[in-house]
Amino acid sequence: MIAWFARNSVAANLMMVFIILMGVNGVVNRLPVEVFPMFTPDEVEIRVTYRGATPEQMEESIVIPLENIVADLPGIEEIKSSAREGRARIEIEAENGYDPRVLLEDVKSRVDSINSLPEGIEPPVVRIEEHLHEVVTLIIHGDMSEYDLRKLGERIRDDVGRLEGISR
């Protein structure tokens, strides 16, 4: 194929001009938003600490009442919870397009109004859970020592982190 383009320089030049024009067209007409997705926090989290409580106690006396009080709020896609010794976590996923800040305020007001939680628990913490999604993962491999590969990776990470619009 390379030999054909070498013999037919007019075709090669036309193809190059075509590729350049397509690139200019893409820049002028702007790429669609789907190419540059926006990551918005879409989850409200409730964390509760109750020192000395077993996971079963956390589930029965804290998780279930909190889930029940927020379950009928508008804009909720899914509720997930976990309980372990002395701690409980409830994740409330917002429906696609629903403002998580509105959901946060609704959940806070419901949690503040509940009076059936046991004595001695720390006040529940309600906040927006921001998931930082990795957009790029880079694997470095080469005939270098592990130390040199790590230093190279750190240098690349730092260089990319300094680019405008990039966050860590």
N, C-alpha and C. Protein backbone atom coordinates (compact mmCIF):
# COMPACT_ATOMS: atom_id res chain seq x y z
N MET A 1 0.83 -1.19 0.00
CA MET A 1 0.00 0.00 0.00
C MET A 1 0.87 1.26 0.00
N ILE A 2 1.96 1.21 0.76
CA ILE A 2 2.86 2.36 0.80
C ILE A 2 3.47 2.59 -0.58
N ALA A 3 3.83 1.51 -1.26
CA ALA A 3 4.40 1.64 -2.60
C ALA A 3 3.39 2.27 -3.55
N TRP A 4 2.11 1.93 -3.43
CA TRP A 4 1.08 2.50 -4.29
C TRP A 4 0.98 4.01 -4.08
N PHE A 5 0.98 4.45 -2.79
CA PHE A 5 0.92 5.88 -2.51
C PHE A 5 2.18 6.59 -3.00
N ALA A 6 3.33 5.92 -2.95
CA ALA A 6 4.57 6.53 -3.45
C ALA A 6 4.50 6.74 -4.96
N ARG A 7 3.88 5.82 -5.68
CA ARG A 7 3.74 5.96 -7.14
C ARG A 7 2.63 6.96 -7.50
N ASN A 8 1.62 7.08 -6.67
CA ASN A 8 0.47 7.94 -6.96
C ASN A 8 0.42 9.09 -5.96
N SER A 9 1.30 10.03 -6.13
CA SER A 9 1.40 11.13 -5.17
C SER A 9 0.15 12.01 -5.17
N VAL A 10 -0.53 12.13 -6.29
CA VAL A 10 -1.76 12.94 -6.34
C VAL A 10 -2.81 12.33 -5.42
N ALA A 11 -3.00 11.03 -5.48
CA ALA A 11 -3.97 10.36 -4.61
C ALA A 11 -3.58 10.53 -3.14
N ALA A 12 -2.29 10.41 -2.85
CA ALA A 12 -1.84 10.57 -1.47
C ALA A 12 -2.10 11.98 -0.98
N ASN A 13 -1.83 12.98 -1.82
CA ASN A 13 -2.08 14.37 -1.43
C ASN A 13 -3.57 14.64 -1.26
N LEU A 14 -4.40 14.09 -2.15
CA LEU A 14 -5.85 14.27 -2.01
C LEU A 14 -6.36 13.65 -0.71
N MET A 15 -5.85 12.47 -0.38
CA MET A 15 -6.27 11.82 0.86
C MET A 15 -5.84 12.65 2.06
N MET A 16 -4.63 13.21 2.04
CA MET A 16 -4.16 14.03 3.14
C MET A 16 -5.03 15.28 3.29
N VAL A 17 -5.38 15.94 2.18
CA VAL A 17 -6.25 17.12 2.23
C VAL A 17 -7.61 16.74 2.79
N PHE A 18 -8.15 15.59 2.37
CA PHE A 18 -9.44 15.13 2.86
C PHE A 18 -9.41 14.92 4.38
N ILE A 19 -8.36 14.30 4.88
CA ILE A 19 -8.23 14.06 6.32
C ILE A 19 -8.14 15.37 7.08
N ILE A 20 -7.37 16.33 6.55
CA ILE A 20 -7.25 17.64 7.20
C ILE A 20 -8.59 18.35 7.21
N LEU A 21 -9.32 18.32 6.09
CA LEU A 21 -10.63 18.97 6.04
C LEU A 21 -11.61 18.34 7.02
N MET A 22 -11.57 17.03 7.18
CA MET A 22 -12.45 16.38 8.15
C MET A 22 -12.10 16.82 9.57
N GLY A 23 -10.83 16.97 9.86
CA GLY A 23 -10.41 17.45 11.18
C GLY A 23 -10.87 18.87 11.43
N VAL A 24 -10.72 19.74 10.43
CA VAL A 24 -11.18 21.12 10.55
C VAL A 24 -12.69 21.15 10.74
N ASN A 25 -13.41 20.31 10.00
CA ASN A 25 -14.87 20.24 10.14
C ASN A 25 -15.25 19.83 11.56
N GLY A 26 -14.53 18.89 12.14
CA GLY A 26 -14.81 18.47 13.50
C GLY A 26 -14.59 19.58 14.51
N VAL A 27 -13.55 20.38 14.30
CA VAL A 27 -13.26 21.49 15.21
C VAL A 27 -14.30 22.59 15.04
N VAL A 28 -14.63 22.94 13.80
CA VAL A 28 -15.58 24.02 13.54
C VAL A 28 -16.97 23.67 14.06
N ASN A 29 -17.41 22.46 13.82
CA ASN A 29 -18.76 22.07 14.22
C ASN A 29 -18.83 21.51 15.63
N ARG A 30 -17.77 21.59 16.36
CA ARG A 30 -17.68 21.14 17.75
C ARG A 30 -18.09 19.68 17.89
N LEU A 31 -17.32 18.96 18.64
CA LEU A 31 -17.64 17.57 18.92
C LEU A 31 -18.84 17.52 19.86
N PRO A 32 -19.67 16.49 19.77
CA PRO A 32 -20.84 16.42 20.64
C PRO A 32 -20.44 16.26 22.11
N VAL A 33 -21.35 16.65 22.98
CA VAL A 33 -21.09 16.62 24.41
C VAL A 33 -20.78 15.21 24.91
N GLU A 34 -21.31 14.18 24.25
CA GLU A 34 -21.07 12.82 24.70
C GLU A 34 -19.59 12.47 24.68
N VAL A 35 -18.82 13.17 23.86
CA VAL A 35 -17.39 12.90 23.79
C VAL A 35 -16.70 13.40 25.06
N PHE A 36 -17.25 14.43 25.68
CA PHE A 36 -16.70 15.01 26.89
C PHE A 36 -17.74 14.89 28.00
N PRO A 37 -17.90 13.72 28.62
CA PRO A 37 -18.96 13.56 29.62
C PRO A 37 -18.68 14.38 30.87
N MET A 38 -19.76 14.82 31.50
CA MET A 38 -19.64 15.53 32.76
C MET A 38 -19.94 14.54 33.88
N PHE A 39 -19.13 14.57 34.90
CA PHE A 39 -19.35 13.70 36.04
C PHE A 39 -19.96 14.52 37.15
N THR A 40 -21.18 14.21 37.47
CA THR A 40 -21.85 14.91 38.56
C THR A 40 -22.10 13.92 39.68
N PRO A 41 -21.99 14.40 40.91
CA PRO A 41 -22.29 13.51 42.02
C PRO A 41 -23.76 13.12 41.96
N ASP A 42 -24.04 11.84 42.13
CA ASP A 42 -25.42 11.40 41.98
C ASP A 42 -25.88 10.58 43.17
N GLU A 43 -25.20 10.71 44.28
CA GLU A 43 -25.51 9.87 45.42
C GLU A 43 -25.47 10.67 46.70
N VAL A 44 -26.49 10.47 47.53
CA VAL A 44 -26.51 11.05 48.87
C VAL A 44 -26.18 9.93 49.84
N GLU A 45 -25.36 10.24 50.80
CA GLU A 45 -24.90 9.22 51.74
C GLU A 45 -25.29 9.61 53.16
N ILE A 46 -25.76 8.64 53.92
CA ILE A 46 -26.04 8.82 55.34
C ILE A 46 -25.07 7.91 56.09
N ARG A 47 -24.32 8.48 57.00
CA ARG A 47 -23.40 7.69 57.84
C ARG A 47 -23.81 7.88 59.30
N VAL A 48 -23.87 6.76 60.01
CA VAL A 48 -24.26 6.80 61.42
C VAL A 48 -23.27 5.97 62.22
N THR A 49 -22.87 6.51 63.37
CA THR A 49 -21.98 5.79 64.27
C THR A 49 -22.70 5.55 65.59
N TYR A 50 -22.66 4.32 66.06
CA TYR A 50 -23.26 3.91 67.32
C TYR A 50 -22.30 2.95 67.98
N ARG A 51 -21.44 3.47 68.81
CA ARG A 51 -20.35 2.69 69.39
C ARG A 51 -20.88 1.50 70.20
N GLY A 52 -20.26 0.35 69.93
CA GLY A 52 -20.59 -0.86 70.67
C GLY A 52 -21.75 -1.66 70.11
N ALA A 53 -22.44 -1.14 69.10
CA ALA A 53 -23.59 -1.85 68.54
C ALA A 53 -23.12 -2.94 67.57
N THR A 54 -23.81 -4.05 67.58
CA THR A 54 -23.50 -5.13 66.64
C THR A 54 -24.08 -4.78 65.27
N PRO A 55 -23.64 -5.44 64.22
CA PRO A 55 -24.22 -5.19 62.90
C PRO A 55 -25.74 -5.41 62.88
N GLU A 56 -26.20 -6.43 63.60
CA GLU A 56 -27.65 -6.68 63.65
C GLU A 56 -28.39 -5.54 64.32
N GLN A 57 -27.84 -5.02 65.42
CA GLN A 57 -28.46 -3.88 66.10
C GLN A 57 -28.46 -2.65 65.19
N MET A 58 -27.37 -2.44 64.48
CA MET A 58 -27.30 -1.30 63.56
C MET A 58 -28.38 -1.43 62.49
N GLU A 59 -28.53 -2.64 61.96
CA GLU A 59 -29.52 -2.88 60.90
C GLU A 59 -30.93 -2.63 61.41
N GLU A 60 -31.27 -3.22 62.55
CA GLU A 60 -32.64 -3.14 63.06
C GLU A 60 -33.01 -1.77 63.61
N SER A 61 -32.10 -1.15 64.35
CA SER A 61 -32.47 0.09 65.04
C SER A 61 -32.11 1.36 64.30
N ILE A 62 -31.25 1.26 63.28
CA ILE A 62 -30.83 2.48 62.58
C ILE A 62 -31.08 2.39 61.08
N VAL A 63 -30.56 1.37 60.43
CA VAL A 63 -30.63 1.30 58.96
C VAL A 63 -32.08 1.20 58.48
N ILE A 64 -32.83 0.25 59.02
CA ILE A 64 -34.21 0.06 58.55
C ILE A 64 -35.07 1.30 58.79
N PRO A 65 -35.05 1.91 60.00
CA PRO A 65 -35.85 3.14 60.17
C PRO A 65 -35.44 4.27 59.22
N LEU A 66 -34.13 4.44 59.00
CA LEU A 66 -33.69 5.50 58.09
C LEU A 66 -34.09 5.20 56.65
N GLU A 67 -33.94 3.96 56.22
CA GLU A 67 -34.38 3.60 54.86
C GLU A 67 -35.87 3.85 54.68
N ASN A 68 -36.66 3.46 55.69
CA ASN A 68 -38.11 3.63 55.59
C ASN A 68 -38.52 5.10 55.52
N ILE A 69 -37.81 5.96 56.23
CA ILE A 69 -38.22 7.36 56.27
C ILE A 69 -37.87 8.11 54.99
N VAL A 70 -36.85 7.64 54.26
CA VAL A 70 -36.47 8.34 53.02
C VAL A 70 -36.95 7.63 51.76
N ALA A 71 -37.49 6.43 51.89
CA ALA A 71 -37.80 5.59 50.72
C ALA A 71 -38.80 6.22 49.76
N ASP A 72 -39.73 7.04 50.27
CA ASP A 72 -40.76 7.58 49.39
C ASP A 72 -40.44 8.97 48.85
N LEU A 73 -39.21 9.43 49.04
CA LEU A 73 -38.82 10.74 48.51
C LEU A 73 -38.75 10.68 46.98
N PRO A 74 -39.10 11.78 46.31
CA PRO A 74 -38.98 11.79 44.85
C PRO A 74 -37.51 11.84 44.43
N GLY A 75 -37.22 11.30 43.26
CA GLY A 75 -35.88 11.38 42.70
C GLY A 75 -34.94 10.27 43.12
N ILE A 76 -35.45 9.26 43.83
CA ILE A 76 -34.58 8.17 44.28
C ILE A 76 -34.64 7.02 43.29
N GLU A 77 -33.48 6.62 42.81
CA GLU A 77 -33.36 5.47 41.91
C GLU A 77 -33.19 4.18 42.71
N GLU A 78 -32.27 4.21 43.69
CA GLU A 78 -31.95 2.99 44.44
C GLU A 78 -31.39 3.36 45.80
N ILE A 79 -31.66 2.51 46.79
CA ILE A 79 -31.10 2.67 48.13
C ILE A 79 -30.30 1.42 48.46
N LYS A 80 -29.05 1.63 48.86
CA LYS A 80 -28.18 0.52 49.27
C LYS A 80 -27.67 0.83 50.67
N SER A 81 -27.55 -0.19 51.48
CA SER A 81 -27.06 0.06 52.84
C SER A 81 -26.13 -1.05 53.28
N SER A 82 -25.32 -0.71 54.26
CA SER A 82 -24.44 -1.69 54.88
C SER A 82 -24.32 -1.34 56.35
N ALA A 83 -24.21 -2.37 57.17
CA ALA A 83 -24.06 -2.18 58.61
C ALA A 83 -22.93 -3.07 59.09
N ARG A 84 -22.12 -2.51 59.93
CA ARG A 84 -21.08 -3.30 60.57
C ARG A 84 -20.97 -2.82 62.00
N GLU A 85 -20.08 -3.37 62.73
CA GLU A 85 -20.01 -3.07 64.15
C GLU A 85 -19.81 -1.58 64.40
N GLY A 86 -20.81 -0.97 64.98
CA GLY A 86 -20.74 0.44 65.36
C GLY A 86 -20.94 1.44 64.24
N ARG A 87 -21.14 0.98 63.02
CA ARG A 87 -21.29 1.91 61.89
C ARG A 87 -22.33 1.43 60.90
N ALA A 88 -22.98 2.40 60.29
CA ALA A 88 -23.93 2.09 59.21
C ALA A 88 -23.74 3.12 58.11
N ARG A 89 -23.99 2.67 56.90
CA ARG A 89 -23.86 3.55 55.73
C ARG A 89 -25.03 3.27 54.80
N ILE A 90 -25.73 4.32 54.41
CA ILE A 90 -26.85 4.20 53.49
C ILE A 90 -26.54 5.08 52.29
N GLU A 91 -26.55 4.49 51.10
CA GLU A 91 -26.30 5.22 49.86
C GLU A 91 -27.62 5.36 49.12
N ILE A 92 -27.96 6.59 48.78
CA ILE A 92 -29.21 6.87 48.08
C ILE A 92 -28.84 7.42 46.72
N GLU A 93 -29.10 6.64 45.69
CA GLU A 93 -28.74 7.03 44.33
C GLU A 93 -29.88 7.84 43.72
N ALA A 94 -29.54 9.00 43.17
CA ALA A 94 -30.53 9.86 42.54
C ALA A 94 -30.87 9.36 41.14
N GLU A 95 -32.11 9.60 40.73
CA GLU A 95 -32.51 9.27 39.37
C GLU A 95 -31.70 10.12 38.40
N ASN A 96 -31.51 9.60 37.20
CA ASN A 96 -30.77 10.32 36.18
C ASN A 96 -31.45 11.66 35.90
N GLY A 97 -30.71 12.74 36.00
CA GLY A 97 -31.24 14.07 35.74
C GLY A 97 -31.81 14.76 36.96
N TYR A 98 -31.98 14.04 38.06
CA TYR A 98 -32.51 14.65 39.28
C TYR A 98 -31.37 15.33 40.02
N ASP A 99 -31.61 16.54 40.49
CA ASP A 99 -30.56 17.32 41.15
C ASP A 99 -30.23 16.70 42.51
N PRO A 100 -29.01 16.22 42.70
CA PRO A 100 -28.66 15.59 43.98
C PRO A 100 -28.68 16.57 45.15
N ARG A 101 -28.53 17.87 44.88
CA ARG A 101 -28.59 18.85 45.97
C ARG A 101 -30.00 18.95 46.54
N VAL A 102 -31.00 18.84 45.66
CA VAL A 102 -32.39 18.84 46.12
C VAL A 102 -32.65 17.58 46.95
N LEU A 103 -32.17 16.45 46.45
CA LEU A 103 -32.32 15.19 47.18
C LEU A 103 -31.61 15.27 48.52
N LEU A 104 -30.44 15.89 48.56
CA LEU A 104 -29.70 16.04 49.81
C LEU A 104 -30.52 16.79 50.84
N GLU A 105 -31.12 17.90 50.44
CA GLU A 105 -31.93 18.69 51.37
C GLU A 105 -33.15 17.90 51.85
N ASP A 106 -33.80 17.17 50.94
CA ASP A 106 -34.95 16.36 51.33
C ASP A 106 -34.55 15.27 52.33
N VAL A 107 -33.44 14.60 52.06
CA VAL A 107 -32.97 13.54 52.95
C VAL A 107 -32.59 14.12 54.31
N LYS A 108 -31.89 15.27 54.31
CA LYS A 108 -31.51 15.90 55.58
C LYS A 108 -32.73 16.23 56.42
N SER A 109 -33.75 16.80 55.79
CA SER A 109 -34.94 17.18 56.57
C SER A 109 -35.64 15.95 57.13
N ARG A 110 -35.70 14.86 56.36
CA ARG A 110 -36.33 13.63 56.85
C ARG A 110 -35.50 13.02 57.99
N VAL A 111 -34.19 12.98 57.83
CA VAL A 111 -33.33 12.38 58.86
C VAL A 111 -33.40 13.21 60.14
N ASP A 112 -33.44 14.54 60.01
CA ASP A 112 -33.53 15.40 61.19
C ASP A 112 -34.86 15.22 61.92
N SER A 113 -35.90 14.83 61.20
CA SER A 113 -37.23 14.71 61.82
C SER A 113 -37.44 13.36 62.51
N ILE A 114 -36.59 12.39 62.27
CA ILE A 114 -36.79 11.07 62.87
C ILE A 114 -36.47 11.11 64.36
N ASN A 115 -37.33 10.51 65.16
CA ASN A 115 -37.10 10.51 66.61
C ASN A 115 -37.07 9.10 67.19
N SER A 116 -37.01 8.10 66.33
CA SER A 116 -37.04 6.72 66.81
C SER A 116 -35.65 6.07 66.84
N LEU A 117 -34.62 6.85 66.64
CA LEU A 117 -33.26 6.28 66.69
C LEU A 117 -32.85 6.10 68.15
N PRO A 118 -32.01 5.13 68.44
CA PRO A 118 -31.63 4.85 69.83
C PRO A 118 -30.81 5.99 70.45
N GLU A 119 -30.88 6.04 71.78
CA GLU A 119 -30.09 7.01 72.54
C GLU A 119 -28.61 6.64 72.41
N GLY A 120 -27.76 7.64 72.39
CA GLY A 120 -26.32 7.39 72.39
C GLY A 120 -25.67 7.32 71.02
N ILE A 121 -26.46 7.45 69.96
CA ILE A 121 -25.82 7.45 68.64
C ILE A 121 -25.30 8.85 68.36
N GLU A 122 -24.26 8.90 67.56
CA GLU A 122 -23.78 10.20 67.10
C GLU A 122 -24.75 10.70 66.04
N PRO A 123 -24.92 12.01 65.91
CA PRO A 123 -25.86 12.52 64.90
C PRO A 123 -25.51 11.99 63.51
N PRO A 124 -26.51 11.55 62.75
CA PRO A 124 -26.24 11.06 61.40
C PRO A 124 -25.63 12.15 60.52
N VAL A 125 -24.67 11.76 59.70
CA VAL A 125 -24.03 12.68 58.76
C VAL A 125 -24.64 12.42 57.39
N VAL A 126 -25.24 13.46 56.82
CA VAL A 126 -25.86 13.35 55.49
C VAL A 126 -25.09 14.26 54.56
N ARG A 127 -24.59 13.70 53.47
CA ARG A 127 -23.80 14.50 52.53
C ARG A 127 -23.88 13.90 51.14
N ILE A 128 -23.46 14.69 50.16
CA ILE A 128 -23.38 14.19 48.79
C ILE A 128 -22.08 13.41 48.67
N GLU A 129 -22.19 12.21 48.16
CA GLU A 129 -21.02 11.35 47.95
C GLU A 129 -20.51 11.62 46.54
N GLU A 130 -19.32 12.18 46.47
CA GLU A 130 -18.74 12.47 45.16
C GLU A 130 -17.84 11.32 44.76
N HIS A 131 -18.23 10.65 43.70
CA HIS A 131 -17.41 9.57 43.17
C HIS A 131 -16.45 10.16 42.15
N LEU A 132 -15.20 9.96 42.39
CA LEU A 132 -14.20 10.42 41.44
C LEU A 132 -13.89 9.27 40.50
N HIS A 133 -14.42 9.36 39.32
CA HIS A 133 -14.24 8.29 38.35
C HIS A 133 -12.91 8.46 37.62
N GLU A 134 -12.19 7.38 37.52
CA GLU A 134 -10.97 7.42 36.73
C GLU A 134 -11.36 7.46 35.27
N VAL A 135 -10.79 8.38 34.55
CA VAL A 135 -11.07 8.48 33.13
C VAL A 135 -9.96 7.81 32.34
N VAL A 136 -8.75 7.89 32.85
CA VAL A 136 -7.61 7.30 32.15
C VAL A 136 -6.80 6.47 33.14
N THR A 137 -6.45 5.28 32.73
CA THR A 137 -5.53 4.44 33.48
C THR A 137 -4.35 4.15 32.57
N LEU A 138 -3.16 4.38 33.06
CA LEU A 138 -1.96 4.20 32.27
C LEU A 138 -1.11 3.11 32.91
N ILE A 139 -0.71 2.16 32.12
CA ILE A 139 0.17 1.09 32.59
C ILE A 139 1.54 1.30 31.95
N ILE A 140 2.55 1.34 32.78
CA ILE A 140 3.91 1.56 32.30
C ILE A 140 4.68 0.25 32.42
N HIS A 141 5.31 -0.13 31.33
CA HIS A 141 6.05 -1.39 31.28
C HIS A 141 7.33 -1.13 30.50
N GLY A 142 8.41 -1.69 30.95
CA GLY A 142 9.65 -1.51 30.20
C GLY A 142 10.81 -2.23 30.84
N ASP A 143 11.93 -2.17 30.16
CA ASP A 143 13.16 -2.79 30.66
C ASP A 143 13.89 -1.81 31.56
N MET A 144 13.23 -1.46 32.65
CA MET A 144 13.80 -0.54 33.63
C MET A 144 13.58 -1.15 35.01
N SER A 145 14.29 -0.61 35.97
CA SER A 145 14.07 -1.09 37.34
C SER A 145 12.70 -0.61 37.82
N GLU A 146 12.18 -1.28 38.85
CA GLU A 146 10.88 -0.89 39.39
C GLU A 146 10.92 0.55 39.89
N TYR A 147 12.02 0.94 40.49
CA TYR A 147 12.19 2.31 40.98
C TYR A 147 12.09 3.31 39.83
N ASP A 148 12.80 3.03 38.71
CA ASP A 148 12.77 3.94 37.57
C ASP A 148 11.38 4.01 36.94
N LEU A 149 10.70 2.86 36.86
CA LEU A 149 9.33 2.86 36.33
C LEU A 149 8.40 3.68 37.21
N ARG A 150 8.56 3.55 38.52
CA ARG A 150 7.72 4.33 39.44
C ARG A 150 7.99 5.82 39.28
N LYS A 151 9.24 6.20 39.20
CA LYS A 151 9.59 7.62 39.01
C LYS A 151 9.03 8.14 37.69
N LEU A 152 9.12 7.35 36.63
CA LEU A 152 8.55 7.74 35.35
C LEU A 152 7.04 7.93 35.47
N GLY A 153 6.38 6.99 36.12
CA GLY A 153 4.93 7.10 36.32
C GLY A 153 4.55 8.33 37.11
N GLU A 154 5.30 8.63 38.16
CA GLU A 154 5.03 9.83 38.96
C GLU A 154 5.24 11.09 38.14
N ARG A 155 6.28 11.11 37.31
CA ARG A 155 6.53 12.28 36.47
C ARG A 155 5.40 12.48 35.47
N ILE A 156 4.94 11.38 34.85
CA ILE A 156 3.82 11.48 33.90
C ILE A 156 2.57 11.96 34.62
N ARG A 157 2.29 11.39 35.80
CA ARG A 157 1.12 11.80 36.58
C ARG A 157 1.18 13.30 36.90
N ASP A 158 2.34 13.77 37.33
CA ASP A 158 2.48 15.18 37.67
C ASP A 158 2.33 16.07 36.44
N ASP A 159 2.91 15.66 35.32
CA ASP A 159 2.80 16.45 34.09
C ASP A 159 1.34 16.53 33.62
N VAL A 160 0.64 15.41 33.65
CA VAL A 160 -0.77 15.41 33.23
C VAL A 160 -1.60 16.22 34.22
N GLY A 161 -1.29 16.13 35.50
CA GLY A 161 -2.03 16.87 36.52
C GLY A 161 -1.91 18.37 36.38
N ARG A 162 -0.85 18.85 35.74
CA ARG A 162 -0.66 20.28 35.55
C ARG A 162 -1.42 20.83 34.34
N LEU A 163 -1.97 19.94 33.51
CA LEU A 163 -2.72 20.40 32.34
C LEU A 163 -4.00 21.10 32.77
N GLU A 164 -4.37 22.12 32.03
CA GLU A 164 -5.59 22.86 32.34
C GLU A 164 -6.81 21.94 32.19
N GLY A 165 -7.70 21.99 33.18
CA GLY A 165 -8.92 21.20 33.13
C GLY A 165 -8.79 19.80 33.69
N ILE A 166 -7.61 19.45 34.20
CA ILE A 166 -7.39 18.13 34.77
C ILE A 166 -7.39 18.25 36.28
N SER A 167 -8.11 17.37 36.95
CA SER A 167 -8.09 17.35 38.41
C SER A 167 -7.65 15.98 38.87
N ARG A 168 -7.29 15.90 40.12
CA ARG A 168 -6.81 14.62 40.65
C ARG A 168 -7.89 13.93 41.41
